[in-house]
Every structure is written in structure tokens, then in C-alpha cells.
Amino acid sequence: MEDDKLSVDLKRIIISMQPELNNETLQIPAKLYRIGEIVDYTPFSRQTIHNYTIMGLIREVKWTEGGHRLYDESVFERLSEIIRLRKTKTLSEIRETLSIKDRRNSQIRKTTEKGRIEHEFDVTDNG
């Protein structure tokens, strides 16, 4: 009987020590890549990466103090998508396709965030 109580108490302690997903998620610093690193990992030249950035096909997330563009890991997925789309579309068509996808994803993120906030409000209100 005491072992059962100890086991239940131990579970409560362990659960209470775990970070709550909504409030205390662990943030791992994102790796940022310079154009040269992207060139090393992809079949694209520096000029192509630069041109795709200017065209809005890919986006830098930050600039260094020295004026270098920095990209996050999502750039590799985006470049892979561009490779697939280049087989059947012009760059102009690719830009439009990606723009539509970005707008749709943005709307999904907004809807998800709104739902999360409403849920937190309901939990706080009813809790």
C-alpha cells in the first residue's frame, strides 16, 4: 500500500517537473546559414541564391552586422521545392505558386494561433 502511494507521489513529482508545452517549451537556437553554406549543400550558385532572394522565392531571416544575409533551415526545403517546380514551370510561375502557398500557410498559422489563444482563455476562465 505504501509502495503504491510512493509510486503515485513520485509520478506527481515527475509530472510537475516537466515543462508545460504551452508555457515553457525549450527553445533550441536555430542554425542560420550564409549564402556560401547554402551553396555548399545545394546545386545552386551564389548568384542564383542571391537572385532567388531578390525575386522573393526565398527569404533571409536576418542580416549580420557586416551585411550578410542569413537563412534558416527552411531555405533547404524551399530550394528543394523550387527544384521540383522548375521541371514544369517558369520562375514567374514558381513565384506565383509559392506566393499562394505562403498565403495559405499564413492563414493556417493565424487560425491555429487564434484557436490556441481561445483555448487558453477558456481554460483560464473555467479553471
N, C-alpha and C. Protein backbone atom coordinates (compact mmCIF):
# COMPACT_ATOMS: atom_id res chain seq x y z
N MET A 1 0.83 -1.18 0.00
CA MET A 1 0.00 0.00 0.00
C MET A 1 0.87 1.25 0.00
N GLU A 2 1.90 1.26 0.88
CA GLU A 2 2.79 2.42 0.93
C GLU A 2 3.57 2.56 -0.37
N ASP A 3 3.92 1.43 -0.99
CA ASP A 3 4.62 1.47 -2.27
C ASP A 3 3.76 2.11 -3.35
N ASP A 4 2.44 1.80 -3.34
CA ASP A 4 1.53 2.41 -4.30
C ASP A 4 1.46 3.92 -4.11
N LYS A 5 1.38 4.35 -2.82
CA LYS A 5 1.31 5.78 -2.52
C LYS A 5 2.61 6.46 -2.95
N LEU A 6 3.73 5.82 -2.66
CA LEU A 6 5.03 6.35 -3.06
C LEU A 6 5.12 6.47 -4.57
N SER A 7 4.64 5.45 -5.27
CA SER A 7 4.66 5.45 -6.73
C SER A 7 3.80 6.59 -7.28
N VAL A 8 2.62 6.79 -6.72
CA VAL A 8 1.74 7.87 -7.16
C VAL A 8 2.38 9.22 -6.87
N ASP A 9 2.95 9.39 -5.67
CA ASP A 9 3.62 10.64 -5.32
C ASP A 9 4.80 10.92 -6.23
N LEU A 10 5.57 9.87 -6.55
CA LEU A 10 6.72 10.02 -7.44
C LEU A 10 6.26 10.46 -8.83
N LYS A 11 5.18 9.86 -9.32
CA LYS A 11 4.64 10.25 -10.63
C LYS A 11 4.22 11.72 -10.63
N ARG A 12 3.58 12.15 -9.55
CA ARG A 12 3.16 13.56 -9.45
C ARG A 12 4.37 14.50 -9.49
N ILE A 13 5.42 14.13 -8.77
CA ILE A 13 6.63 14.95 -8.75
C ILE A 13 7.24 15.03 -10.15
N ILE A 14 7.35 13.88 -10.80
CA ILE A 14 7.94 13.85 -12.15
C ILE A 14 7.11 14.69 -13.11
N ILE A 15 5.79 14.51 -13.07
CA ILE A 15 4.91 15.27 -13.96
C ILE A 15 5.03 16.76 -13.68
N SER A 16 5.09 17.14 -12.39
CA SER A 16 5.17 18.56 -12.06
C SER A 16 6.49 19.19 -12.50
N MET A 17 7.53 18.36 -12.66
CA MET A 17 8.83 18.88 -13.08
C MET A 17 8.91 19.07 -14.58
N GLN A 18 8.04 18.42 -15.35
CA GLN A 18 8.08 18.53 -16.81
C GLN A 18 7.55 19.89 -17.22
N PRO A 19 8.21 20.55 -18.18
CA PRO A 19 7.71 21.85 -18.61
C PRO A 19 6.37 21.71 -19.31
N GLU A 20 5.50 22.66 -19.06
CA GLU A 20 4.21 22.67 -19.76
C GLU A 20 4.47 23.10 -21.19
N LEU A 21 3.86 22.41 -22.12
CA LEU A 21 4.12 22.68 -23.53
C LEU A 21 3.74 24.09 -23.93
N ASN A 22 2.67 24.62 -23.35
CA ASN A 22 2.23 25.96 -23.76
C ASN A 22 3.04 27.08 -23.13
N ASN A 23 3.63 26.81 -21.98
CA ASN A 23 4.28 27.90 -21.25
C ASN A 23 5.80 27.84 -21.22
N GLU A 24 6.36 26.65 -21.25
CA GLU A 24 7.80 26.53 -21.03
C GLU A 24 8.46 25.62 -22.05
N THR A 25 8.18 25.80 -23.30
CA THR A 25 8.84 24.97 -24.29
C THR A 25 10.31 25.33 -24.35
N LEU A 26 11.14 24.32 -24.50
CA LEU A 26 12.57 24.55 -24.62
C LEU A 26 12.85 25.13 -26.00
N GLN A 27 13.59 26.18 -26.05
CA GLN A 27 13.91 26.83 -27.31
C GLN A 27 15.34 26.50 -27.70
N ILE A 28 15.48 25.75 -28.77
CA ILE A 28 16.80 25.42 -29.28
C ILE A 28 17.16 26.49 -30.30
N PRO A 29 18.30 27.13 -30.14
CA PRO A 29 18.66 28.19 -31.10
C PRO A 29 18.69 27.64 -32.52
N ALA A 30 18.08 28.37 -33.42
CA ALA A 30 18.05 27.95 -34.82
C ALA A 30 19.41 28.16 -35.45
N LYS A 31 19.79 27.24 -36.29
CA LYS A 31 21.03 27.38 -37.06
C LYS A 31 20.73 28.30 -38.23
N LEU A 32 21.56 29.30 -38.41
CA LEU A 32 21.41 30.21 -39.55
C LEU A 32 22.56 29.98 -40.52
N TYR A 33 22.25 30.09 -41.80
CA TYR A 33 23.22 29.78 -42.85
C TYR A 33 23.49 31.00 -43.71
N ARG A 34 24.77 31.20 -44.03
CA ARG A 34 25.16 32.22 -45.01
C ARG A 34 25.01 31.63 -46.40
N ILE A 35 25.01 32.49 -47.40
CA ILE A 35 24.85 32.03 -48.78
C ILE A 35 25.89 30.96 -49.13
N GLY A 36 27.13 31.16 -48.72
CA GLY A 36 28.18 30.20 -49.03
C GLY A 36 27.89 28.81 -48.51
N GLU A 37 27.29 28.73 -47.32
CA GLU A 37 26.93 27.43 -46.77
C GLU A 37 25.80 26.79 -47.56
N ILE A 38 24.86 27.59 -48.00
CA ILE A 38 23.75 27.07 -48.81
C ILE A 38 24.30 26.53 -50.12
N VAL A 39 25.23 27.27 -50.71
CA VAL A 39 25.86 26.83 -51.96
C VAL A 39 26.56 25.49 -51.76
N ASP A 40 27.20 25.31 -50.60
CA ASP A 40 27.90 24.05 -50.31
C ASP A 40 26.95 22.85 -50.24
N TYR A 41 25.73 23.08 -49.80
CA TYR A 41 24.77 21.99 -49.58
C TYR A 41 23.75 21.81 -50.70
N THR A 42 23.78 22.68 -51.70
CA THR A 42 22.78 22.63 -52.77
C THR A 42 23.46 22.74 -54.13
N PRO A 43 22.72 22.50 -55.21
CA PRO A 43 23.31 22.65 -56.54
C PRO A 43 23.26 24.09 -57.07
N PHE A 44 22.92 25.05 -56.21
CA PHE A 44 22.76 26.43 -56.65
C PHE A 44 24.03 27.25 -56.46
N SER A 45 24.23 28.21 -57.34
CA SER A 45 25.37 29.13 -57.22
C SER A 45 25.01 30.28 -56.29
N ARG A 46 26.03 31.02 -55.88
CA ARG A 46 25.81 32.23 -55.07
C ARG A 46 24.86 33.19 -55.78
N GLN A 47 25.10 33.37 -57.07
CA GLN A 47 24.29 34.32 -57.84
C GLN A 47 22.82 33.87 -57.89
N THR A 48 22.60 32.58 -58.04
CA THR A 48 21.23 32.07 -58.08
C THR A 48 20.54 32.29 -56.73
N ILE A 49 21.23 32.00 -55.64
CA ILE A 49 20.66 32.22 -54.30
C ILE A 49 20.33 33.70 -54.13
N HIS A 50 21.25 34.56 -54.55
CA HIS A 50 21.02 36.00 -54.48
C HIS A 50 19.79 36.38 -55.32
N ASN A 51 19.74 35.89 -56.55
CA ASN A 51 18.61 36.22 -57.44
C ASN A 51 17.28 35.72 -56.87
N TYR A 52 17.27 34.50 -56.35
CA TYR A 52 16.04 33.96 -55.78
C TYR A 52 15.58 34.79 -54.58
N THR A 53 16.54 35.32 -53.82
CA THR A 53 16.20 36.18 -52.69
C THR A 53 15.58 37.48 -53.19
N ILE A 54 16.21 38.10 -54.17
CA ILE A 54 15.70 39.35 -54.74
C ILE A 54 14.30 39.15 -55.33
N MET A 55 14.09 37.99 -55.98
CA MET A 55 12.80 37.69 -56.59
C MET A 55 11.72 37.33 -55.57
N GLY A 56 12.13 37.06 -54.34
CA GLY A 56 11.17 36.68 -53.31
C GLY A 56 10.86 35.20 -53.26
N LEU A 57 11.64 34.39 -53.97
CA LEU A 57 11.42 32.94 -53.94
C LEU A 57 11.88 32.35 -52.61
N ILE A 58 12.95 32.92 -52.06
CA ILE A 58 13.42 32.54 -50.72
C ILE A 58 13.63 33.83 -49.94
N ARG A 59 13.68 33.69 -48.62
CA ARG A 59 13.81 34.89 -47.78
C ARG A 59 14.90 34.70 -46.73
N GLU A 60 15.67 35.75 -46.56
CA GLU A 60 16.61 35.74 -45.45
C GLU A 60 15.80 36.04 -44.19
N VAL A 61 16.29 35.54 -43.06
CA VAL A 61 15.59 35.80 -41.81
C VAL A 61 16.30 36.87 -40.98
N LYS A 62 17.55 37.16 -41.37
CA LYS A 62 18.34 38.09 -40.58
C LYS A 62 19.53 38.55 -41.41
N TRP A 63 20.11 39.65 -40.98
CA TRP A 63 21.34 40.15 -41.60
C TRP A 63 22.41 40.22 -40.52
N THR A 64 23.66 39.93 -40.91
CA THR A 64 24.76 40.11 -39.97
C THR A 64 25.10 41.59 -39.90
N GLU A 65 25.89 41.96 -38.91
CA GLU A 65 26.33 43.35 -38.82
C GLU A 65 27.13 43.75 -40.05
N GLY A 66 27.80 42.78 -40.66
CA GLY A 66 28.59 43.03 -41.86
C GLY A 66 27.77 43.07 -43.14
N GLY A 67 26.46 42.89 -43.02
CA GLY A 67 25.60 42.98 -44.19
C GLY A 67 25.38 41.69 -44.95
N HIS A 68 25.71 40.56 -44.33
CA HIS A 68 25.49 39.27 -44.98
C HIS A 68 24.09 38.75 -44.64
N ARG A 69 23.44 38.19 -45.65
CA ARG A 69 22.13 37.59 -45.42
C ARG A 69 22.30 36.26 -44.69
N LEU A 70 21.36 35.99 -43.78
CA LEU A 70 21.33 34.71 -43.08
C LEU A 70 19.97 34.06 -43.32
N TYR A 71 20.00 32.76 -43.57
CA TYR A 71 18.79 32.00 -43.87
C TYR A 71 18.63 30.90 -42.83
N ASP A 72 17.39 30.56 -42.51
CA ASP A 72 17.18 29.45 -41.58
C ASP A 72 17.07 28.14 -42.36
N GLU A 73 16.87 27.06 -41.63
CA GLU A 73 16.86 25.72 -42.24
C GLU A 73 15.74 25.53 -43.26
N SER A 74 14.68 26.31 -43.15
CA SER A 74 13.56 26.15 -44.09
C SER A 74 13.96 26.48 -45.52
N VAL A 75 15.07 27.19 -45.71
CA VAL A 75 15.51 27.53 -47.06
C VAL A 75 15.81 26.28 -47.88
N PHE A 76 16.26 25.21 -47.22
CA PHE A 76 16.58 23.98 -47.95
C PHE A 76 15.32 23.30 -48.48
N GLU A 77 14.29 23.31 -47.68
CA GLU A 77 13.01 22.76 -48.14
C GLU A 77 12.47 23.59 -49.30
N ARG A 78 12.59 24.90 -49.17
CA ARG A 78 12.10 25.80 -50.21
C ARG A 78 12.88 25.59 -51.51
N LEU A 79 14.19 25.47 -51.42
CA LEU A 79 15.00 25.24 -52.61
C LEU A 79 14.69 23.89 -53.25
N SER A 80 14.42 22.89 -52.43
CA SER A 80 14.02 21.58 -52.96
C SER A 80 12.71 21.70 -53.73
N GLU A 81 11.81 22.49 -53.19
CA GLU A 81 10.53 22.71 -53.87
C GLU A 81 10.74 23.45 -55.19
N ILE A 82 11.63 24.42 -55.20
CA ILE A 82 11.94 25.15 -56.43
C ILE A 82 12.52 24.20 -57.48
N ILE A 83 13.39 23.29 -57.06
CA ILE A 83 13.96 22.31 -58.00
C ILE A 83 12.84 21.51 -58.65
N ARG A 84 11.89 21.03 -57.84
CA ARG A 84 10.78 20.26 -58.39
C ARG A 84 9.93 21.10 -59.34
N LEU A 85 9.64 22.33 -58.95
CA LEU A 85 8.77 23.19 -59.76
C LEU A 85 9.44 23.63 -61.06
N ARG A 86 10.77 23.75 -61.04
CA ARG A 86 11.49 24.19 -62.25
C ARG A 86 11.32 23.22 -63.42
N LYS A 87 10.97 21.99 -63.12
CA LYS A 87 10.80 20.99 -64.18
C LYS A 87 9.61 21.31 -65.07
N THR A 88 8.62 22.02 -64.53
CA THR A 88 7.40 22.27 -65.29
C THR A 88 6.96 23.73 -65.34
N LYS A 89 7.63 24.59 -64.59
CA LYS A 89 7.17 25.99 -64.50
C LYS A 89 8.31 26.97 -64.75
N THR A 90 7.93 28.16 -65.17
CA THR A 90 8.89 29.26 -65.29
C THR A 90 9.12 29.84 -63.90
N LEU A 91 10.15 30.67 -63.75
CA LEU A 91 10.40 31.30 -62.45
C LEU A 91 9.23 32.18 -62.03
N SER A 92 8.62 32.84 -62.98
CA SER A 92 7.46 33.67 -62.68
C SER A 92 6.30 32.82 -62.14
N GLU A 93 6.08 31.67 -62.76
CA GLU A 93 5.03 30.76 -62.30
C GLU A 93 5.37 30.18 -60.93
N ILE A 94 6.64 29.90 -60.72
CA ILE A 94 7.09 29.38 -59.42
C ILE A 94 6.83 30.42 -58.34
N ARG A 95 7.15 31.67 -58.64
CA ARG A 95 6.93 32.74 -57.67
C ARG A 95 5.45 32.82 -57.29
N GLU A 96 4.57 32.73 -58.28
CA GLU A 96 3.13 32.78 -58.01
C GLU A 96 2.68 31.57 -57.20
N THR A 97 3.15 30.40 -57.57
CA THR A 97 2.80 29.16 -56.85
C THR A 97 3.22 29.25 -55.39
N LEU A 98 4.45 29.69 -55.15
CA LEU A 98 4.96 29.78 -53.79
C LEU A 98 4.25 30.88 -53.00
N SER A 99 3.89 31.95 -53.67
CA SER A 99 3.17 33.04 -53.03
C SER A 99 1.80 32.56 -52.54
N ILE A 100 1.11 31.80 -53.37
CA ILE A 100 -0.19 31.25 -52.99
C ILE A 100 -0.03 30.31 -51.79
N LYS A 101 0.98 29.46 -51.86
CA LYS A 101 1.24 28.53 -50.76
C LYS A 101 1.55 29.28 -49.46
N ASP A 102 2.37 30.33 -49.56
CA ASP A 102 2.73 31.12 -48.38
C ASP A 102 1.51 31.78 -47.75
N ARG A 103 0.63 32.33 -48.60
CA ARG A 103 -0.59 32.97 -48.08
C ARG A 103 -1.46 31.94 -47.36
N ARG A 104 -1.59 30.77 -47.95
CA ARG A 104 -2.40 29.71 -47.36
C ARG A 104 -1.79 29.27 -46.02
N ASN A 105 -0.49 29.08 -45.97
CA ASN A 105 0.18 28.68 -44.73
C ASN A 105 0.06 29.76 -43.66
N SER A 106 0.14 31.02 -44.07
CA SER A 106 0.00 32.12 -43.13
C SER A 106 -1.40 32.12 -42.51
N GLN A 107 -2.40 31.88 -43.33
CA GLN A 107 -3.77 31.83 -42.83
C GLN A 107 -3.95 30.66 -41.86
N ILE A 108 -3.36 29.53 -42.18
CA ILE A 108 -3.44 28.36 -41.29
C ILE A 108 -2.79 28.67 -39.95
N ARG A 109 -1.61 29.33 -39.98
CA ARG A 109 -0.92 29.69 -38.73
C ARG A 109 -1.76 30.65 -37.90
N LYS A 110 -2.39 31.62 -38.56
CA LYS A 110 -3.23 32.58 -37.83
C LYS A 110 -4.42 31.88 -37.20
N THR A 111 -5.05 30.98 -37.93
CA THR A 111 -6.20 30.25 -37.41
C THR A 111 -5.79 29.37 -36.24
N THR A 112 -4.66 28.70 -36.36
CA THR A 112 -4.16 27.84 -35.30
C THR A 112 -3.84 28.66 -34.05
N GLU A 113 -3.19 29.80 -34.23
CA GLU A 113 -2.84 30.67 -33.10
C GLU A 113 -4.10 31.20 -32.44
N LYS A 114 -5.08 31.59 -33.24
CA LYS A 114 -6.34 32.09 -32.69
C LYS A 114 -7.00 31.00 -31.84
N GLY A 115 -7.02 29.77 -32.35
CA GLY A 115 -7.60 28.65 -31.60
C GLY A 115 -6.86 28.39 -30.31
N ARG A 116 -5.53 28.49 -30.35
CA ARG A 116 -4.72 28.27 -29.15
C ARG A 116 -5.03 29.32 -28.10
N ILE A 117 -5.12 30.58 -28.53
CA ILE A 117 -5.42 31.67 -27.59
C ILE A 117 -6.81 31.51 -27.00
N GLU A 118 -7.78 31.16 -27.85
CA GLU A 118 -9.15 30.94 -27.36
C GLU A 118 -9.18 29.80 -26.35
N HIS A 119 -8.43 28.74 -26.62
CA HIS A 119 -8.37 27.60 -25.71
C HIS A 119 -7.77 28.02 -24.37
N GLU A 120 -6.66 28.77 -24.41
CA GLU A 120 -6.04 29.24 -23.17
C GLU A 120 -7.00 30.13 -22.39
N PHE A 121 -7.74 30.98 -23.10
CA PHE A 121 -8.70 31.86 -22.46
C PHE A 121 -9.79 31.03 -21.78
N ASP A 122 -10.30 30.00 -22.48
CA ASP A 122 -11.33 29.13 -21.92
C ASP A 122 -10.82 28.40 -20.69
N VAL A 123 -9.59 27.87 -20.77
CA VAL A 123 -9.01 27.13 -19.64
C VAL A 123 -8.83 28.07 -18.45
N THR A 124 -8.33 29.27 -18.71
CA THR A 124 -8.11 30.25 -17.64
C THR A 124 -9.44 30.69 -17.04
N ASP A 125 -10.41 30.90 -17.89
CA ASP A 125 -11.73 31.35 -17.45
C ASP A 125 -12.46 30.28 -16.64
N ASN A 126 -12.32 29.03 -17.07
CA ASN A 126 -13.06 27.94 -16.44
C ASN A 126 -12.24 27.18 -15.40
N GLY A 127 -10.96 27.50 -15.32
CA GLY A 127 -10.08 26.73 -14.44
C GLY A 127 -9.99 27.30 -13.11
